[in-house]
Amino acid sequence: MIKVPTVAELTAEGKIPEILFWVGCAGSFDERAKKITKAFVKILHNAGVSYGVLGAEESCTGDPAKRSGNEFLFQMQAIANIEVLNGYGVKKIVTACPHCFNTLKNEYPELGGSYEVIHHTQLLKDLLDQGKLTIEKGSYKGKKITFHDPCYLGRANNVYEAPRDLIKKLDAELVEMKNCKAKGLCCGAGGAQMFKEPENGSKDINIERTEQALETKPDIIAAGCPFCNTMLTDGVKNKEKEGEIPVLDVAELIATAKDL
């Protein structure tokens, strides 16, 4: 059982964590995404990273409100978060959600919240490069893994290589979909679409994207976003392949291959 420290607890002890782990709504409340959070925390703990979470003081970044057109609600949510973050003197934030990543990194500065914001795959790559994290070789040897680029990580912020470098370090074969990197296809949940039913059309976007993933004949579909994970998992279920092809976050791949 890993005790996850809150920034409030650490501050009371006179400690300042190097990194704030922003868990996000999905990582806090969604049963599937909680597994990603636990995998990432396990890695942070075992790599000896100095981190803390806000816990009950963390609120939604405001991404869904902004994407769905409610700028007023977004600014209310953002300013409340910024007051908490600045109150603790937070300098560096890591998050496993590209929606939180994009909002904190690009939209909080103009409201008074300027931080160094990194995606969890970037931190994991840094930990590996620094030798603070070691991967047990052979765990995924011979496995074909395809990686789905989250829109808010890839095209919005040009982070393409960190997750791919991690997959390659697993001794796995990285197989690319026909739409990848800058030409990646949305999973269907971006722009607050996660919280509504899709409009009528000939095919849902997540089905189209899942079909592209399955064309690569993968053993595993890797994601770097809890929303993408949900949409691709639903797509795999639609194709009746859930027993054959798991959809896993990159942190889960690393956590299960880690040489603990």
Protein backbone atom coordinates (compact mmCIF):
# COMPACT_ATOMS: atom_id res chain seq x y z
CA MET A 1 0.00 0.00 0.00
CA ILE A 2 1.57 3.26 -1.14
CA LYS A 3 0.83 6.40 0.86
CA VAL A 4 0.30 9.24 -1.59
CA PRO A 5 1.33 12.52 0.07
CA THR A 6 -0.75 15.66 -0.34
CA VAL A 7 0.97 18.98 -0.81
CA ALA A 8 -0.86 20.25 2.29
CA GLU A 9 0.67 17.44 4.41
CA LEU A 10 4.14 18.02 2.99
CA THR A 11 3.88 21.79 3.50
CA ALA A 12 2.87 21.24 7.13
CA GLU A 13 6.08 19.22 7.55
CA GLY A 14 8.13 21.99 5.96
CA LYS A 15 8.74 19.97 2.78
CA ILE A 16 8.26 21.16 -0.78
CA PRO A 17 7.77 18.44 -3.43
CA GLU A 18 9.67 18.88 -6.68
CA ILE A 19 6.64 17.86 -8.72
CA LEU A 20 2.90 18.23 -8.30
CA PHE A 21 1.06 15.23 -9.75
CA TRP A 22 -2.19 16.59 -11.20
CA VAL A 23 -4.48 13.55 -11.10
CA GLY A 24 -7.40 14.97 -13.07
CA CYS A 25 -11.10 14.11 -12.95
CA ALA A 26 -10.79 10.86 -14.93
CA GLY A 27 -7.79 9.68 -12.93
CA SER A 28 -9.62 10.43 -9.68
CA PHE A 29 -13.13 9.14 -10.36
CA ASP A 30 -13.24 6.84 -13.41
CA GLU A 31 -12.71 3.22 -12.36
CA ARG A 32 -10.61 2.38 -15.44
CA ALA A 33 -8.51 5.55 -15.25
CA LYS A 34 -7.81 4.98 -11.55
CA LYS A 35 -5.70 1.99 -12.62
CA ILE A 36 -3.55 4.34 -14.71
CA THR A 37 -3.17 6.66 -11.71
CA LYS A 38 -2.11 3.74 -9.50
CA ALA A 39 0.40 2.49 -12.08
CA PHE A 40 1.96 5.94 -12.39
CA VAL A 41 2.10 6.45 -8.60
CA LYS A 42 3.79 3.06 -8.25
CA ILE A 43 6.48 4.20 -10.69
CA LEU A 44 6.95 7.58 -8.96
CA HIS A 45 7.25 5.85 -5.59
CA ASN A 46 9.77 3.27 -6.76
CA ALA A 47 11.83 5.83 -8.69
CA GLY A 48 12.12 7.96 -5.56
CA VAL A 49 10.49 11.00 -7.13
CA SER A 50 9.63 13.88 -4.79
CA TYR A 51 5.95 14.48 -5.54
CA GLY A 52 2.63 15.41 -3.96
CA VAL A 53 -1.01 15.67 -5.00
CA LEU A 54 -3.58 18.32 -4.14
CA GLY A 55 -6.14 15.72 -3.08
CA ALA A 56 -9.46 17.31 -2.14
CA GLU A 57 -8.07 20.74 -3.11
CA GLU A 58 -7.81 19.71 -6.77
CA SER A 59 -10.72 20.70 -9.00
CA CYS A 60 -11.42 20.25 -12.72
CA THR A 61 -9.04 22.33 -14.86
CA GLY A 62 -12.04 23.67 -16.75
CA ASP A 63 -11.14 22.00 -20.05
CA PRO A 64 -14.63 20.51 -20.71
CA ALA A 65 -16.30 23.83 -19.89
CA LYS A 66 -14.01 25.78 -22.24
CA ARG A 67 -14.29 23.26 -25.11
CA SER A 68 -18.08 23.26 -24.87
CA GLY A 69 -18.16 27.06 -25.04
CA ASN A 70 -18.63 28.10 -21.40
CA GLU A 71 -15.67 30.46 -21.07
CA PHE A 72 -17.08 32.01 -17.88
CA LEU A 73 -17.21 28.68 -16.06
CA PHE A 74 -13.73 27.80 -17.34
CA GLN A 75 -12.24 31.00 -15.95
CA MET A 76 -13.96 30.48 -12.59
CA GLN A 77 -12.54 26.94 -12.34
CA ALA A 78 -9.10 27.98 -13.57
CA ILE A 79 -8.73 30.96 -11.23
CA ALA A 80 -9.75 28.86 -8.22
CA ASN A 81 -7.09 26.27 -9.13
CA ILE A 82 -4.45 28.90 -9.80
CA GLU A 83 -5.00 30.41 -6.34
CA VAL A 84 -4.40 26.99 -4.77
CA LEU A 85 -1.34 26.23 -6.95
CA ASN A 86 0.25 29.65 -6.42
CA GLY A 87 -0.54 29.46 -2.71
CA TYR A 88 1.67 26.37 -2.49
CA GLY A 89 4.33 27.85 -4.76
CA VAL A 90 3.97 25.06 -7.32
CA LYS A 91 6.58 25.25 -10.08
CA LYS A 92 6.36 21.92 -11.92
CA ILE A 93 3.28 19.83 -12.73
CA VAL A 94 2.99 16.34 -14.24
CA THR A 95 -0.31 14.87 -15.42
CA ALA A 96 -1.42 11.68 -17.16
CA CYS A 97 -4.27 13.52 -18.91
CA PRO A 98 -3.43 15.47 -22.10
CA HIS A 99 -6.56 17.60 -21.61
CA CYS A 100 -5.29 18.78 -18.21
CA PHE A 101 -1.76 19.03 -19.68
CA ASN A 102 -2.84 21.30 -22.52
CA THR A 103 -5.06 23.52 -20.35
CA LEU A 104 -2.55 23.96 -17.52
CA LYS A 105 0.33 24.52 -19.94
CA ASN A 106 -1.24 26.81 -22.51
CA GLU A 107 -4.32 28.43 -21.02
CA TYR A 108 -3.49 29.05 -17.35
CA PRO A 109 -0.57 31.48 -17.92
CA GLU A 110 -2.84 34.30 -19.18
CA LEU A 111 -4.90 33.93 -15.99
CA GLY A 112 -1.83 34.14 -13.73
CA GLY A 113 -0.82 30.49 -13.51
CA SER A 114 2.59 29.88 -15.10
CA TYR A 115 4.12 26.46 -14.45
CA GLU A 116 6.39 23.93 -16.10
CA VAL A 117 3.86 21.33 -17.23
CA ILE A 118 4.87 17.88 -18.53
CA HIS A 119 2.98 14.79 -19.62
CA HIS A 120 3.60 11.62 -17.68
CA THR A 121 5.26 9.94 -20.68
CA GLN A 122 7.81 12.79 -20.78
CA LEU A 123 8.61 12.32 -17.09
CA LEU A 124 8.90 8.54 -17.48
CA LYS A 125 11.33 9.01 -20.38
CA ASP A 126 13.40 11.46 -18.28
CA LEU A 127 13.49 8.99 -15.37
CA LEU A 128 14.72 6.24 -17.71
CA ASP A 129 17.33 8.51 -19.30
CA GLN A 130 18.60 9.53 -15.84
CA GLY A 131 18.79 5.90 -14.69
CA LYS A 132 16.23 6.44 -11.92
CA LEU A 133 13.93 3.93 -13.57
CA THR A 134 14.94 0.58 -15.01
CA ILE A 135 12.87 -1.68 -17.20
CA GLU A 136 13.09 -5.44 -17.04
CA LYS A 137 14.04 -6.56 -20.51
CA GLY A 138 11.96 -9.07 -22.38
CA SER A 139 8.57 -8.44 -20.73
CA TYR A 140 7.07 -7.40 -24.04
CA LYS A 141 9.57 -9.00 -26.42
CA GLY A 142 7.86 -10.15 -29.58
CA LYS A 143 4.73 -8.10 -28.82
CA LYS A 144 3.34 -5.73 -31.43
CA ILE A 145 2.14 -2.47 -29.86
CA THR A 146 0.45 0.37 -31.72
CA PHE A 147 0.27 3.82 -30.13
CA HIS A 148 -2.68 6.18 -30.51
CA ASP A 149 -1.66 9.86 -30.41
CA PRO A 150 -3.97 11.89 -28.15
CA CYS A 151 -4.94 15.11 -29.95
CA TYR A 152 -4.06 17.38 -27.01
CA LEU A 153 -0.66 15.74 -26.62
CA GLY A 154 0.33 15.29 -30.24
CA ARG A 155 -1.08 17.82 -32.67
CA ALA A 156 -1.78 20.45 -30.00
CA ASN A 157 1.62 20.23 -28.27
CA ASN A 158 3.93 18.30 -30.61
CA VAL A 159 4.71 15.55 -28.10
CA TYR A 160 5.11 12.47 -30.28
CA GLU A 161 8.38 10.77 -29.40
CA ALA A 162 8.31 10.32 -25.60
CA PRO A 163 5.59 7.63 -25.58
CA ARG A 164 7.12 5.91 -28.59
CA ASP A 165 10.59 5.87 -27.01
CA LEU A 166 9.09 4.18 -23.95
CA ILE A 167 7.38 1.50 -26.04
CA LYS A 168 10.63 0.81 -27.90
CA LYS A 169 12.48 0.46 -24.59
CA LEU A 170 10.09 -2.37 -23.70
CA ASP A 171 11.66 -4.49 -26.48
CA ALA A 172 8.28 -4.37 -28.19
CA GLU A 173 7.71 -3.84 -31.89
CA LEU A 174 6.08 -0.43 -32.43
CA VAL A 175 3.62 -0.62 -35.32
CA GLU A 176 2.17 2.65 -36.61
CA MET A 177 -1.41 3.23 -37.76
CA LYS A 178 -1.97 4.82 -41.16
CA ASN A 179 -3.01 8.03 -39.35
CA CYS A 180 -0.33 8.79 -36.78
CA LYS A 181 1.70 11.65 -35.31
CA ALA A 182 0.79 14.95 -37.03
CA LYS A 183 -1.82 13.10 -39.13
CA GLY A 184 -3.31 11.32 -36.12
CA LEU A 185 -7.05 10.76 -35.92
CA CYS A 186 -9.09 11.82 -32.90
CA CYS A 187 -10.55 9.07 -30.70
CA GLY A 188 -13.84 10.98 -30.67
CA ALA A 189 -13.73 12.32 -27.10
CA GLY A 190 -11.88 15.63 -27.56
CA GLY A 191 -13.55 19.03 -27.44
CA ALA A 192 -15.91 17.96 -24.61
CA GLN A 193 -17.38 15.25 -26.87
CA MET A 194 -16.58 12.75 -24.09
CA PHE A 195 -19.66 13.92 -22.22
CA LYS A 196 -22.30 13.75 -24.94
CA GLU A 197 -23.68 11.34 -27.50
CA PRO A 198 -22.20 11.64 -31.01
CA GLU A 199 -24.16 13.32 -33.78
CA ASN A 200 -25.76 11.10 -36.40
CA GLY A 201 -23.40 9.86 -39.07
CA SER A 202 -22.37 6.74 -40.93
CA LYS A 203 -19.77 5.70 -38.31
CA ASP A 204 -18.58 6.84 -34.88
CA ILE A 205 -15.04 8.24 -34.82
CA ASN A 206 -13.87 5.80 -32.15
CA ILE A 207 -14.92 2.87 -34.35
CA GLU A 208 -12.98 4.30 -37.30
CA ARG A 209 -9.92 4.82 -35.10
CA THR A 210 -10.19 1.34 -33.57
CA GLU A 211 -10.37 -0.17 -37.06
CA GLN A 212 -7.14 1.65 -37.94
CA ALA A 213 -5.53 0.24 -34.80
CA LEU A 214 -6.70 -3.29 -35.55
CA GLU A 215 -5.35 -3.06 -39.13
CA THR A 216 -1.83 -3.09 -37.64
CA LYS A 217 -2.64 -6.52 -36.09
CA PRO A 218 -1.41 -5.44 -32.64
CA ASP A 219 -1.11 -7.48 -29.46
CA ILE A 220 -1.72 -4.31 -27.45
CA ILE A 221 -3.17 -0.87 -28.21
CA ALA A 222 -1.31 1.76 -26.19
CA ALA A 223 -2.73 5.14 -25.21
CA GLY A 224 -1.55 8.14 -23.23
CA CYS A 225 -4.91 9.63 -22.27
CA PRO A 226 -7.77 8.35 -20.10
CA PHE A 227 -10.40 9.62 -22.56
CA CYS A 228 -8.67 7.91 -25.50
CA ASN A 229 -8.41 4.76 -23.41
CA THR A 230 -12.19 4.73 -22.86
CA MET A 231 -13.02 5.38 -26.51
CA LEU A 232 -10.62 2.76 -27.85
CA THR A 233 -11.74 0.21 -25.26
CA ASP A 234 -15.34 0.79 -26.38
CA GLY A 235 -14.19 0.38 -29.99
CA VAL A 236 -12.43 -2.91 -29.22
CA LYS A 237 -15.58 -4.15 -27.45
CA ASN A 238 -17.63 -3.16 -30.49
CA LYS A 239 -15.37 -5.39 -32.59
CA GLU A 240 -15.69 -8.19 -29.98
CA LYS A 241 -11.94 -8.26 -29.44
CA GLU A 242 -11.84 -7.24 -25.75
CA GLY A 243 -10.60 -10.68 -24.70
CA GLU A 244 -7.75 -10.57 -27.21
CA ILE A 245 -6.41 -7.03 -27.43
CA PRO A 246 -6.01 -4.93 -24.27
CA VAL A 247 -5.97 -1.13 -24.37
CA LEU A 248 -3.30 0.02 -21.92
CA ASP A 249 -1.82 3.35 -20.89
CA VAL A 250 1.93 3.68 -21.43
CA ALA A 251 2.36 4.01 -17.63
CA GLU A 252 0.66 0.63 -17.18
CA LEU A 253 3.04 -0.95 -19.69
CA ILE A 254 6.04 0.50 -17.83
CA ALA A 255 4.69 -0.39 -14.37
CA THR A 256 4.22 -4.04 -15.30
CA ALA A 257 7.66 -4.22 -16.95
CA LYS A 258 9.50 -2.33 -14.23
CA ASP A 259 12.36 -4.05 -12.51
CA LEU A 260 11.05 -3.41 -9.00
